Amino acid sequence: MNRQEQKLKTRQNIINAAFGLLDDNKSLSAMSLREVARAAGIAPTSFYRHFKDIDDLGLTLVDEAGLALRQLMRQARRRIESGGGVIDTSVNTFMEFITANTNVFRLLLREHTGTSAAYRTAVQREIQHFVEELTDYIIEVQSVQHQLAYVQAEAMVKLVFSAGAEALEVDSAMRKVIGERVKQQLRFIQLGATSKR
């Protein structure tokens, strides 16, 4: 492994360590540089070779979380193309993501209304990317005007994020109940949007 590969690996270890430290009791703003460095197995001074400060790491975590969510929805689209229903497949994929990546979703959820303006702005930007991608998809599938597609996408994203927040701390049986309920709610939005054409 060359020096550049080692540097990228260490950077990823820091990111993974920070995600690992997040839980229902610890937010991004409560995390210390020393704590992250210890969890990543590096000296605190080494941290600065990869990130300017703890806030720089925090913004990177938000970017990574947003990217993970967008990749998730692209994965859902591939599943849809191979024969799955749009809403069922999307919600199932999202719930699988929350189950496997609790801290990633918790970060977006918590920092969306957190105390740091920089984190709030970064999370809002990631959610906006998500809405825009869904808007493009709705336009492609339903052949509707941009404004109608955007309003539908925004409502759907807000609803799914809210359901995700509810699903974070429950068992798998309750998560399934939440998933089924949000599928029905999404169908109501879709039906309302199509009746407005």
N, C-alpha and C. Protein backbone atom coordinates (compact mmCIF):
# COMPACT_ATOMS: atom_id res chain seq x y z
N MET A 1 0.86 -1.19 0.00
CA MET A 1 0.00 0.00 0.00
C MET A 1 0.90 1.25 0.00
N ASN A 2 0.69 2.13 -0.98
CA ASN A 2 1.51 3.33 -1.02
C ASN A 2 1.01 4.38 -0.02
N ARG A 3 1.76 5.46 0.05
CA ARG A 3 1.46 6.48 1.05
C ARG A 3 0.07 7.11 0.87
N GLN A 4 -0.30 7.38 -0.38
CA GLN A 4 -1.60 7.98 -0.67
C GLN A 4 -2.74 7.03 -0.27
N GLU A 5 -2.59 5.75 -0.58
CA GLU A 5 -3.61 4.75 -0.20
C GLU A 5 -3.73 4.65 1.32
N GLN A 6 -2.58 4.71 2.00
CA GLN A 6 -2.58 4.65 3.47
C GLN A 6 -3.30 5.87 4.06
N LYS A 7 -3.05 7.04 3.44
CA LYS A 7 -3.69 8.26 3.91
C LYS A 7 -5.21 8.17 3.74
N LEU A 8 -5.66 7.68 2.59
CA LEU A 8 -7.10 7.52 2.34
C LEU A 8 -7.71 6.52 3.32
N LYS A 9 -6.97 5.45 3.59
CA LYS A 9 -7.46 4.42 4.52
C LYS A 9 -7.61 5.00 5.93
N THR A 10 -6.62 5.78 6.35
CA THR A 10 -6.68 6.39 7.69
C THR A 10 -7.84 7.39 7.76
N ARG A 11 -8.02 8.17 6.70
CA ARG A 11 -9.14 9.13 6.65
C ARG A 11 -10.47 8.40 6.79
N GLN A 12 -10.62 7.28 6.06
CA GLN A 12 -11.85 6.50 6.14
C GLN A 12 -12.03 5.89 7.53
N ASN A 13 -10.92 5.47 8.16
CA ASN A 13 -10.99 4.94 9.53
C ASN A 13 -11.51 6.00 10.50
N ILE A 14 -11.08 7.25 10.30
CA ILE A 14 -11.54 8.35 11.16
C ILE A 14 -13.05 8.56 10.97
N ILE A 15 -13.48 8.57 9.71
CA ILE A 15 -14.91 8.74 9.40
C ILE A 15 -15.73 7.61 10.02
N ASN A 16 -15.27 6.37 9.84
CA ASN A 16 -15.98 5.21 10.40
C ASN A 16 -16.02 5.26 11.93
N ALA A 17 -14.90 5.68 12.53
CA ALA A 17 -14.83 5.77 13.99
C ALA A 17 -15.83 6.81 14.50
N ALA A 18 -15.91 7.94 13.81
CA ALA A 18 -16.86 9.00 14.22
C ALA A 18 -18.30 8.51 14.10
N PHE A 19 -18.63 7.84 12.98
CA PHE A 19 -19.98 7.29 12.85
C PHE A 19 -20.25 6.28 13.96
N GLY A 20 -19.26 5.49 14.32
CA GLY A 20 -19.41 4.49 15.37
C GLY A 20 -19.67 5.10 16.74
N LEU A 21 -19.18 6.31 16.96
CA LEU A 21 -19.36 6.97 18.26
C LEU A 21 -20.75 7.60 18.41
N LEU A 22 -21.40 7.87 17.29
CA LEU A 22 -22.74 8.46 17.35
C LEU A 22 -23.74 7.43 17.87
N ASP A 23 -24.59 7.84 18.76
CA ASP A 23 -25.69 6.97 19.19
C ASP A 23 -26.82 7.85 19.70
N ASP A 24 -27.81 7.25 20.34
CA ASP A 24 -28.95 8.06 20.77
C ASP A 24 -28.59 9.03 21.88
N ASN A 25 -27.40 8.86 22.50
CA ASN A 25 -26.97 9.77 23.57
C ASN A 25 -25.89 10.75 23.14
N LYS A 26 -25.23 10.48 22.04
CA LYS A 26 -24.11 11.34 21.62
C LYS A 26 -24.35 11.91 20.25
N SER A 27 -24.33 13.25 20.16
CA SER A 27 -24.50 13.94 18.89
C SER A 27 -23.14 14.32 18.33
N LEU A 28 -23.14 14.80 17.13
CA LEU A 28 -21.93 15.25 16.47
C LEU A 28 -21.25 16.37 17.25
N SER A 29 -22.04 17.32 17.74
CA SER A 29 -21.48 18.46 18.46
C SER A 29 -20.91 18.07 19.83
N ALA A 30 -21.29 16.91 20.34
CA ALA A 30 -20.78 16.45 21.64
C ALA A 30 -19.52 15.59 21.50
N MET A 31 -19.10 15.35 20.28
CA MET A 31 -17.96 14.48 20.02
C MET A 31 -16.65 15.28 20.10
N SER A 32 -15.64 14.72 20.76
CA SER A 32 -14.36 15.43 20.85
C SER A 32 -13.34 14.83 19.87
N LEU A 33 -12.38 15.67 19.48
CA LEU A 33 -11.33 15.23 18.57
C LEU A 33 -10.55 14.06 19.16
N ARG A 34 -10.20 14.16 20.44
CA ARG A 34 -9.43 13.08 21.11
C ARG A 34 -10.20 11.76 21.10
N GLU A 35 -11.47 11.85 21.35
CA GLU A 35 -12.33 10.66 21.37
C GLU A 35 -12.35 9.98 19.99
N VAL A 36 -12.48 10.79 18.95
CA VAL A 36 -12.48 10.25 17.58
C VAL A 36 -11.13 9.64 17.25
N ALA A 37 -10.06 10.35 17.59
CA ALA A 37 -8.70 9.85 17.32
C ALA A 37 -8.47 8.52 18.02
N ARG A 38 -8.89 8.43 19.28
CA ARG A 38 -8.73 7.19 20.05
C ARG A 38 -9.49 6.04 19.38
N ALA A 39 -10.73 6.31 18.98
CA ALA A 39 -11.55 5.27 18.33
C ALA A 39 -10.97 4.85 16.98
N ALA A 40 -10.29 5.79 16.30
CA ALA A 40 -9.68 5.48 14.99
C ALA A 40 -8.30 4.86 15.13
N GLY A 41 -7.76 4.85 16.35
CA GLY A 41 -6.45 4.27 16.58
C GLY A 41 -5.30 5.12 16.09
N ILE A 42 -5.48 6.45 16.15
CA ILE A 42 -4.42 7.36 15.73
C ILE A 42 -4.15 8.37 16.85
N ALA A 43 -2.99 9.05 16.75
CA ALA A 43 -2.67 10.12 17.69
C ALA A 43 -3.52 11.35 17.34
N PRO A 44 -3.94 12.11 18.36
CA PRO A 44 -4.74 13.31 18.07
C PRO A 44 -4.09 14.25 17.05
N THR A 45 -2.77 14.37 17.09
CA THR A 45 -2.08 15.26 16.14
C THR A 45 -2.20 14.75 14.70
N SER A 46 -2.33 13.44 14.53
CA SER A 46 -2.48 12.87 13.19
C SER A 46 -3.82 13.24 12.56
N PHE A 47 -4.80 13.54 13.41
CA PHE A 47 -6.13 13.92 12.94
C PHE A 47 -6.03 15.09 11.96
N TYR A 48 -5.15 16.04 12.28
CA TYR A 48 -5.04 17.27 11.49
C TYR A 48 -4.44 17.06 10.10
N ARG A 49 -3.89 15.91 9.84
CA ARG A 49 -3.42 15.61 8.48
C ARG A 49 -4.59 15.30 7.55
N HIS A 50 -5.76 15.03 8.15
CA HIS A 50 -6.92 14.60 7.36
C HIS A 50 -8.08 15.59 7.41
N PHE A 51 -8.21 16.29 8.54
CA PHE A 51 -9.31 17.24 8.72
C PHE A 51 -8.80 18.50 9.41
N LYS A 52 -9.36 19.64 9.02
CA LYS A 52 -8.95 20.93 9.58
C LYS A 52 -9.25 20.98 11.08
N ASP A 53 -10.45 20.51 11.45
CA ASP A 53 -10.88 20.47 12.85
C ASP A 53 -12.08 19.52 12.95
N ILE A 54 -12.67 19.43 14.12
CA ILE A 54 -13.78 18.50 14.33
C ILE A 54 -15.00 18.91 13.51
N ASP A 55 -15.18 20.21 13.26
CA ASP A 55 -16.31 20.67 12.44
C ASP A 55 -16.13 20.24 10.98
N ASP A 56 -14.89 20.25 10.52
CA ASP A 56 -14.60 19.79 9.15
C ASP A 56 -14.97 18.31 9.02
N LEU A 57 -14.62 17.52 10.04
CA LEU A 57 -15.02 16.11 10.07
C LEU A 57 -16.54 15.99 10.08
N GLY A 58 -17.21 16.82 10.88
CA GLY A 58 -18.67 16.78 10.96
C GLY A 58 -19.32 17.02 9.61
N LEU A 59 -18.83 18.01 8.88
CA LEU A 59 -19.38 18.31 7.56
C LEU A 59 -19.12 17.16 6.59
N THR A 60 -17.97 16.52 6.74
CA THR A 60 -17.67 15.35 5.91
C THR A 60 -18.63 14.21 6.22
N LEU A 61 -18.94 14.02 7.50
CA LEU A 61 -19.89 12.97 7.89
C LEU A 61 -21.27 13.23 7.29
N VAL A 62 -21.70 14.49 7.31
CA VAL A 62 -23.00 14.84 6.71
C VAL A 62 -22.98 14.52 5.21
N ASP A 63 -21.89 14.91 4.54
CA ASP A 63 -21.75 14.61 3.10
C ASP A 63 -21.81 13.11 2.84
N GLU A 64 -21.08 12.35 3.66
CA GLU A 64 -21.05 10.88 3.51
C GLU A 64 -22.43 10.28 3.73
N ALA A 65 -23.14 10.79 4.73
CA ALA A 65 -24.49 10.28 5.04
C ALA A 65 -25.44 10.57 3.88
N GLY A 66 -25.36 11.78 3.35
CA GLY A 66 -26.20 12.15 2.21
C GLY A 66 -25.90 11.30 0.99
N LEU A 67 -24.62 11.10 0.74
CA LEU A 67 -24.20 10.27 -0.40
C LEU A 67 -24.72 8.84 -0.22
N ALA A 68 -24.62 8.32 0.99
CA ALA A 68 -25.10 6.96 1.26
C ALA A 68 -26.60 6.85 0.98
N LEU A 69 -27.35 7.87 1.36
CA LEU A 69 -28.80 7.86 1.11
C LEU A 69 -29.11 7.94 -0.38
N ARG A 70 -28.38 8.78 -1.11
CA ARG A 70 -28.63 8.88 -2.55
C ARG A 70 -28.26 7.58 -3.26
N GLN A 71 -27.18 6.95 -2.82
CA GLN A 71 -26.81 5.65 -3.40
C GLN A 71 -27.88 4.61 -3.10
N LEU A 72 -28.45 4.71 -1.92
CA LEU A 72 -29.53 3.81 -1.52
C LEU A 72 -30.72 3.93 -2.47
N MET A 73 -31.09 5.16 -2.80
CA MET A 73 -32.25 5.34 -3.66
C MET A 73 -31.95 4.92 -5.10
N ARG A 74 -30.70 5.05 -5.51
CA ARG A 74 -30.32 4.54 -6.84
C ARG A 74 -30.42 3.02 -6.85
N GLN A 75 -30.05 2.41 -5.73
CA GLN A 75 -30.17 0.95 -5.60
C GLN A 75 -31.65 0.55 -5.66
N ALA A 76 -32.50 1.34 -5.01
CA ALA A 76 -33.94 1.06 -5.03
C ALA A 76 -34.46 1.14 -6.47
N ARG A 77 -33.97 2.12 -7.24
CA ARG A 77 -34.42 2.25 -8.63
C ARG A 77 -34.02 1.04 -9.47
N ARG A 78 -32.83 0.51 -9.20
CA ARG A 78 -32.40 -0.70 -9.92
C ARG A 78 -33.32 -1.87 -9.57
N ARG A 79 -33.72 -1.95 -8.31
CA ARG A 79 -34.65 -3.00 -7.89
C ARG A 79 -36.00 -2.83 -8.58
N ILE A 80 -36.43 -1.57 -8.70
CA ILE A 80 -37.71 -1.27 -9.36
C ILE A 80 -37.66 -1.69 -10.82
N GLU A 81 -36.54 -1.37 -11.48
CA GLU A 81 -36.39 -1.71 -12.90
C GLU A 81 -36.43 -3.22 -13.13
N SER A 82 -36.04 -4.00 -12.11
CA SER A 82 -36.09 -5.45 -12.27
C SER A 82 -37.41 -6.04 -11.77
N GLY A 83 -38.43 -5.18 -11.60
CA GLY A 83 -39.77 -5.70 -11.36
C GLY A 83 -40.44 -5.37 -10.05
N GLY A 84 -39.84 -4.51 -9.22
CA GLY A 84 -40.48 -4.17 -7.95
C GLY A 84 -41.38 -2.96 -8.09
N GLY A 85 -42.37 -2.84 -7.20
CA GLY A 85 -43.23 -1.66 -7.17
C GLY A 85 -42.46 -0.47 -6.62
N VAL A 86 -42.70 0.72 -7.15
CA VAL A 86 -41.91 1.90 -6.79
C VAL A 86 -41.96 2.19 -5.29
N ILE A 87 -43.16 2.35 -4.74
CA ILE A 87 -43.28 2.72 -3.34
C ILE A 87 -42.83 1.59 -2.42
N ASP A 88 -43.31 0.38 -2.67
CA ASP A 88 -42.91 -0.76 -1.82
C ASP A 88 -41.40 -0.93 -1.80
N THR A 89 -40.80 -0.93 -2.98
CA THR A 89 -39.35 -1.15 -3.08
C THR A 89 -38.58 -0.02 -2.40
N SER A 90 -39.00 1.22 -2.63
CA SER A 90 -38.29 2.37 -2.05
C SER A 90 -38.35 2.35 -0.52
N VAL A 91 -39.53 2.11 0.02
CA VAL A 91 -39.68 2.09 1.49
C VAL A 91 -38.93 0.91 2.09
N ASN A 92 -39.04 -0.26 1.47
CA ASN A 92 -38.32 -1.43 1.99
C ASN A 92 -36.81 -1.18 1.99
N THR A 93 -36.30 -0.59 0.91
CA THR A 93 -34.87 -0.30 0.81
C THR A 93 -34.46 0.70 1.88
N PHE A 94 -35.30 1.71 2.09
CA PHE A 94 -35.01 2.73 3.09
C PHE A 94 -34.98 2.14 4.50
N MET A 95 -35.94 1.28 4.81
CA MET A 95 -35.99 0.66 6.14
C MET A 95 -34.80 -0.29 6.35
N GLU A 96 -34.38 -0.97 5.28
CA GLU A 96 -33.18 -1.81 5.37
C GLU A 96 -31.96 -0.95 5.69
N PHE A 97 -31.90 0.23 5.06
CA PHE A 97 -30.79 1.15 5.28
C PHE A 97 -30.75 1.61 6.73
N ILE A 98 -31.90 1.99 7.27
CA ILE A 98 -31.96 2.45 8.66
C ILE A 98 -31.52 1.34 9.61
N THR A 99 -31.94 0.12 9.33
CA THR A 99 -31.57 -1.02 10.18
C THR A 99 -30.07 -1.23 10.16
N ALA A 100 -29.47 -1.15 8.98
CA ALA A 100 -28.04 -1.43 8.83
C ALA A 100 -27.15 -0.23 9.14
N ASN A 101 -27.70 0.99 9.05
CA ASN A 101 -26.90 2.22 9.19
C ASN A 101 -27.57 3.21 10.14
N THR A 102 -27.94 2.74 11.30
CA THR A 102 -28.69 3.57 12.25
C THR A 102 -28.00 4.90 12.52
N ASN A 103 -26.69 4.87 12.78
CA ASN A 103 -25.99 6.10 13.14
C ASN A 103 -25.88 7.08 11.98
N VAL A 104 -25.82 6.57 10.76
CA VAL A 104 -25.75 7.44 9.58
C VAL A 104 -27.04 8.24 9.46
N PHE A 105 -28.17 7.56 9.58
CA PHE A 105 -29.46 8.25 9.48
C PHE A 105 -29.68 9.14 10.70
N ARG A 106 -29.27 8.66 11.87
CA ARG A 106 -29.43 9.45 13.10
C ARG A 106 -28.69 10.79 12.97
N LEU A 107 -27.53 10.76 12.35
CA LEU A 107 -26.75 11.98 12.14
C LEU A 107 -27.55 13.00 11.33
N LEU A 108 -28.10 12.58 10.20
CA LEU A 108 -28.88 13.49 9.36
C LEU A 108 -30.09 14.03 10.10
N LEU A 109 -30.75 13.15 10.80
CA LEU A 109 -31.96 13.52 11.51
C LEU A 109 -31.67 14.53 12.62
N ARG A 110 -30.66 14.24 13.41
CA ARG A 110 -30.34 15.08 14.56
C ARG A 110 -29.77 16.43 14.13
N GLU A 111 -28.85 16.41 13.17
CA GLU A 111 -28.19 17.66 12.78
C GLU A 111 -29.08 18.55 11.92
N HIS A 112 -30.16 17.99 11.39
CA HIS A 112 -31.12 18.78 10.61
C HIS A 112 -31.72 19.89 11.46
N THR A 113 -31.86 19.62 12.76
CA THR A 113 -32.40 20.63 13.68
C THR A 113 -31.42 20.93 14.81
N GLY A 114 -30.15 20.59 14.61
CA GLY A 114 -29.14 20.77 15.66
C GLY A 114 -28.75 22.22 15.90
N THR A 115 -27.78 22.40 16.79
CA THR A 115 -27.36 23.75 17.20
C THR A 115 -26.36 24.38 16.23
N SER A 116 -25.70 23.59 15.42
CA SER A 116 -24.71 24.14 14.49
C SER A 116 -25.37 24.56 13.17
N ALA A 117 -25.25 25.84 12.85
CA ALA A 117 -25.82 26.35 11.60
C ALA A 117 -25.15 25.70 10.39
N ALA A 118 -23.84 25.46 10.49
CA ALA A 118 -23.12 24.84 9.37
C ALA A 118 -23.64 23.43 9.11
N TYR A 119 -23.87 22.66 10.18
CA TYR A 119 -24.39 21.29 10.02
C TYR A 119 -25.82 21.32 9.49
N ARG A 120 -26.64 22.25 10.02
CA ARG A 120 -28.03 22.35 9.54
C ARG A 120 -28.07 22.65 8.05
N THR A 121 -27.23 23.57 7.62
CA THR A 121 -27.17 23.94 6.20
C THR A 121 -26.72 22.75 5.36
N ALA A 122 -25.71 22.02 5.85
CA ALA A 122 -25.18 20.86 5.11
C ALA A 122 -26.24 19.76 5.00
N VAL A 123 -26.97 19.50 6.08
CA VAL A 123 -28.02 18.47 6.05
C VAL A 123 -29.14 18.92 5.11
N GLN A 124 -29.51 20.19 5.19
CA GLN A 124 -30.57 20.70 4.31
C GLN A 124 -30.16 20.55 2.84
N ARG A 125 -28.88 20.79 2.55
CA ARG A 125 -28.38 20.64 1.18
C ARG A 125 -28.50 19.17 0.73
N GLU A 126 -28.18 18.23 1.63
CA GLU A 126 -28.28 16.81 1.29
C GLU A 126 -29.74 16.41 1.05
N ILE A 127 -30.63 16.90 1.89
CA ILE A 127 -32.06 16.60 1.72
C ILE A 127 -32.56 17.19 0.40
N GLN A 128 -32.06 18.39 0.07
CA GLN A 128 -32.44 19.04 -1.18
C GLN A 128 -32.00 18.21 -2.39
N HIS A 129 -30.78 17.65 -2.33
CA HIS A 129 -30.30 16.76 -3.40
C HIS A 129 -31.26 15.58 -3.57
N PHE A 130 -31.67 15.05 -2.43
CA PHE A 130 -32.58 13.91 -2.41
C PHE A 130 -33.91 14.26 -3.07
N VAL A 131 -34.46 15.43 -2.71
CA VAL A 131 -35.73 15.90 -3.29
C VAL A 131 -35.58 16.11 -4.79
N GLU A 132 -34.46 16.71 -5.20
CA GLU A 132 -34.25 16.97 -6.63
C GLU A 132 -34.14 15.69 -7.44
N GLU A 133 -33.43 14.69 -6.89
CA GLU A 133 -33.33 13.41 -7.59
C GLU A 133 -34.69 12.74 -7.73
N LEU A 134 -35.48 12.81 -6.64
CA LEU A 134 -36.82 12.22 -6.70
C LEU A 134 -37.72 13.00 -7.66
N THR A 135 -37.56 14.32 -7.70
CA THR A 135 -38.32 15.15 -8.64
C THR A 135 -38.05 14.71 -10.07
N ASP A 136 -36.76 14.55 -10.40
CA ASP A 136 -36.38 14.12 -11.76
C ASP A 136 -36.99 12.76 -12.09
N TYR A 137 -36.98 11.87 -11.10
CA TYR A 137 -37.53 10.53 -11.30
C TYR A 137 -39.04 10.58 -11.55
N ILE A 138 -39.74 11.42 -10.76
CA ILE A 138 -41.20 11.55 -10.92
C ILE A 138 -41.53 12.12 -12.29
N ILE A 139 -40.78 13.13 -12.72
CA ILE A 139 -40.99 13.71 -14.06
C ILE A 139 -40.83 12.64 -15.13
N GLU A 140 -39.79 11.84 -14.98
CA GLU A 140 -39.50 10.78 -15.96
C GLU A 140 -40.61 9.73 -16.00
N VAL A 141 -41.08 9.31 -14.83
CA VAL A 141 -42.06 8.22 -14.74
C VAL A 141 -43.49 8.69 -14.98
N GLN A 142 -43.85 9.86 -14.45
CA GLN A 142 -45.24 10.32 -14.51
C GLN A 142 -45.49 11.37 -15.59
N SER A 143 -44.43 11.87 -16.22
CA SER A 143 -44.56 12.92 -17.25
C SER A 143 -45.38 14.10 -16.76
N VAL A 144 -44.97 14.64 -15.61
CA VAL A 144 -45.66 15.80 -15.04
C VAL A 144 -44.75 17.02 -15.08
N GLN A 145 -45.35 18.20 -14.86
CA GLN A 145 -44.57 19.43 -14.81
C GLN A 145 -43.64 19.42 -13.61
N HIS A 146 -42.54 20.18 -13.73
CA HIS A 146 -41.53 20.21 -12.67
C HIS A 146 -42.12 20.63 -11.32
N GLN A 147 -42.92 21.68 -11.29
CA GLN A 147 -43.46 22.18 -10.03
C GLN A 147 -44.29 21.12 -9.30
N LEU A 148 -45.14 20.43 -10.03
CA LEU A 148 -45.97 19.38 -9.43
C LEU A 148 -45.10 18.22 -8.93
N ALA A 149 -44.11 17.85 -9.74
CA ALA A 149 -43.21 16.76 -9.35
C ALA A 149 -42.41 17.15 -8.11
N TYR A 150 -41.98 18.41 -8.05
CA TYR A 150 -41.17 18.88 -6.91
C TYR A 150 -41.99 18.85 -5.61
N VAL A 151 -43.21 19.36 -5.66
CA VAL A 151 -44.07 19.37 -4.47
C VAL A 151 -44.32 17.95 -3.98
N GLN A 152 -44.58 17.04 -4.93
CA GLN A 152 -44.80 15.63 -4.59
C GLN A 152 -43.53 15.04 -3.96
N ALA A 153 -42.39 15.28 -4.57
CA ALA A 153 -41.12 14.74 -4.07
C ALA A 153 -40.82 15.27 -2.67
N GLU A 154 -41.02 16.56 -2.48
CA GLU A 154 -40.74 17.17 -1.18
C GLU A 154 -41.63 16.56 -0.09
N ALA A 155 -42.91 16.39 -0.38
CA ALA A 155 -43.83 15.79 0.59
C ALA A 155 -43.41 14.36 0.92
N MET A 156 -43.03 13.62 -0.11
CA MET A 156 -42.63 12.22 0.08
C MET A 156 -41.36 12.12 0.92
N VAL A 157 -40.38 12.96 0.64
CA VAL A 157 -39.12 12.92 1.39
C VAL A 157 -39.36 13.28 2.85
N LYS A 158 -40.16 14.32 3.10
CA LYS A 158 -40.46 14.71 4.48
C LYS A 158 -41.17 13.58 5.23
N LEU A 159 -42.10 12.94 4.56
CA LEU A 159 -42.85 11.84 5.17
C LEU A 159 -41.93 10.66 5.49
N VAL A 160 -41.07 10.32 4.55
CA VAL A 160 -40.16 9.18 4.74
C VAL A 160 -39.16 9.47 5.85
N PHE A 161 -38.63 10.70 5.89
CA PHE A 161 -37.69 11.06 6.97
C PHE A 161 -38.37 10.99 8.33
N SER A 162 -39.60 11.44 8.39
CA SER A 162 -40.36 11.39 9.64
C SER A 162 -40.59 9.93 10.08
N ALA A 163 -40.94 9.09 9.12
CA ALA A 163 -41.13 7.66 9.42
C ALA A 163 -39.80 7.03 9.85
N GLY A 164 -38.72 7.45 9.20
CA GLY A 164 -37.39 6.95 9.57
C GLY A 164 -37.04 7.29 11.00
N ALA A 165 -37.38 8.52 11.42
CA ALA A 165 -37.13 8.93 12.80
C ALA A 165 -37.89 8.04 13.78
N GLU A 166 -39.12 7.74 13.43
CA GLU A 166 -39.96 6.88 14.27
C GLU A 166 -39.42 5.45 14.30
N ALA A 167 -38.89 5.01 13.17
CA ALA A 167 -38.42 3.62 13.05
C ALA A 167 -37.06 3.36 13.69
N LEU A 168 -36.33 4.42 14.00
CA LEU A 168 -34.97 4.26 14.53
C LEU A 168 -34.89 3.43 15.80
N GLU A 169 -35.78 3.70 16.72
CA GLU A 169 -35.66 3.11 18.07
C GLU A 169 -36.64 1.98 18.36
N VAL A 170 -37.21 1.37 17.33
CA VAL A 170 -38.19 0.31 17.57
C VAL A 170 -37.67 -1.04 17.08
N ASP A 171 -38.36 -2.11 17.46
CA ASP A 171 -37.94 -3.44 17.02
C ASP A 171 -38.38 -3.68 15.57
N SER A 172 -37.95 -4.79 15.00
CA SER A 172 -38.19 -5.06 13.58
C SER A 172 -39.68 -5.20 13.26
N ALA A 173 -40.47 -5.75 14.19
CA ALA A 173 -41.91 -5.90 13.95
C ALA A 173 -42.58 -4.53 13.84
N MET A 174 -42.23 -3.63 14.75
CA MET A 174 -42.81 -2.28 14.73
C MET A 174 -42.30 -1.51 13.52
N ARG A 175 -41.05 -1.73 13.15
CA ARG A 175 -40.50 -1.06 11.96
C ARG A 175 -41.28 -1.47 10.72
N LYS A 176 -41.70 -2.73 10.68
CA LYS A 176 -42.49 -3.21 9.54
C LYS A 176 -43.85 -2.53 9.50
N VAL A 177 -44.47 -2.35 10.68
CA VAL A 177 -45.76 -1.65 10.78
C VAL A 177 -45.61 -0.21 10.28
N ILE A 178 -44.54 0.45 10.71
CA ILE A 178 -44.29 1.83 10.27
C ILE A 178 -44.09 1.87 8.77
N GLY A 179 -43.34 0.91 8.25
CA GLY A 179 -43.09 0.83 6.81
C GLY A 179 -44.37 0.68 6.01
N GLU A 180 -45.26 -0.19 6.47
CA GLU A 180 -46.53 -0.39 5.76
C GLU A 180 -47.41 0.86 5.80
N ARG A 181 -47.39 1.53 6.96
CA ARG A 181 -48.19 2.76 7.09
C ARG A 181 -47.66 3.85 6.16
N VAL A 182 -46.33 4.01 6.10
CA VAL A 182 -45.76 5.07 5.25
C VAL A 182 -45.97 4.75 3.77
N LYS A 183 -46.00 3.48 3.41
CA LYS A 183 -46.30 3.11 2.02
C LYS A 183 -47.71 3.60 1.64
N GLN A 184 -48.66 3.39 2.56
CA GLN A 184 -50.03 3.83 2.31
C GLN A 184 -50.10 5.35 2.20
N GLN A 185 -49.40 6.04 3.08
CA GLN A 185 -49.38 7.49 3.05
C GLN A 185 -48.76 8.03 1.76
N LEU A 186 -47.69 7.37 1.30
CA LEU A 186 -47.05 7.77 0.04
C LEU A 186 -48.00 7.57 -1.15
N ARG A 187 -48.79 6.50 -1.09
CA ARG A 187 -49.77 6.26 -2.16
C ARG A 187 -50.82 7.36 -2.18
N PHE A 188 -51.21 7.84 -0.99
CA PHE A 188 -52.17 8.96 -0.92
C PHE A 188 -51.58 10.20 -1.60
N ILE A 189 -50.30 10.48 -1.33
CA ILE A 189 -49.64 11.64 -1.95
C ILE A 189 -49.60 11.47 -3.46
N GLN A 190 -49.22 10.27 -3.88
CA GLN A 190 -49.12 9.99 -5.32
C GLN A 190 -50.49 10.13 -6.00
N LEU A 191 -51.51 9.60 -5.35
CA LEU A 191 -52.87 9.67 -5.89
C LEU A 191 -53.35 11.12 -5.98
N GLY A 192 -53.09 11.87 -4.93
CA GLY A 192 -53.45 13.29 -4.92
C GLY A 192 -52.73 14.06 -6.01
N ALA A 193 -51.45 13.74 -6.21
CA ALA A 193 -50.66 14.43 -7.24
C ALA A 193 -51.18 14.12 -8.63
N THR A 194 -51.52 12.87 -8.88
CA THR A 194 -52.01 12.49 -10.22
C THR A 194 -53.40 13.07 -10.48
N SER A 195 -54.20 13.27 -9.43
CA SER A 195 -55.54 13.83 -9.64
C SER A 195 -55.48 15.34 -9.90
N LYS A 196 -54.32 15.97 -9.63
CA LYS A 196 -54.16 17.41 -9.81
C LYS A 196 -53.73 17.76 -11.23
N ARG A 197 -53.44 16.78 -12.04
CA ARG A 197 -52.97 17.06 -13.41
C ARG A 197 -54.02 17.72 -14.26
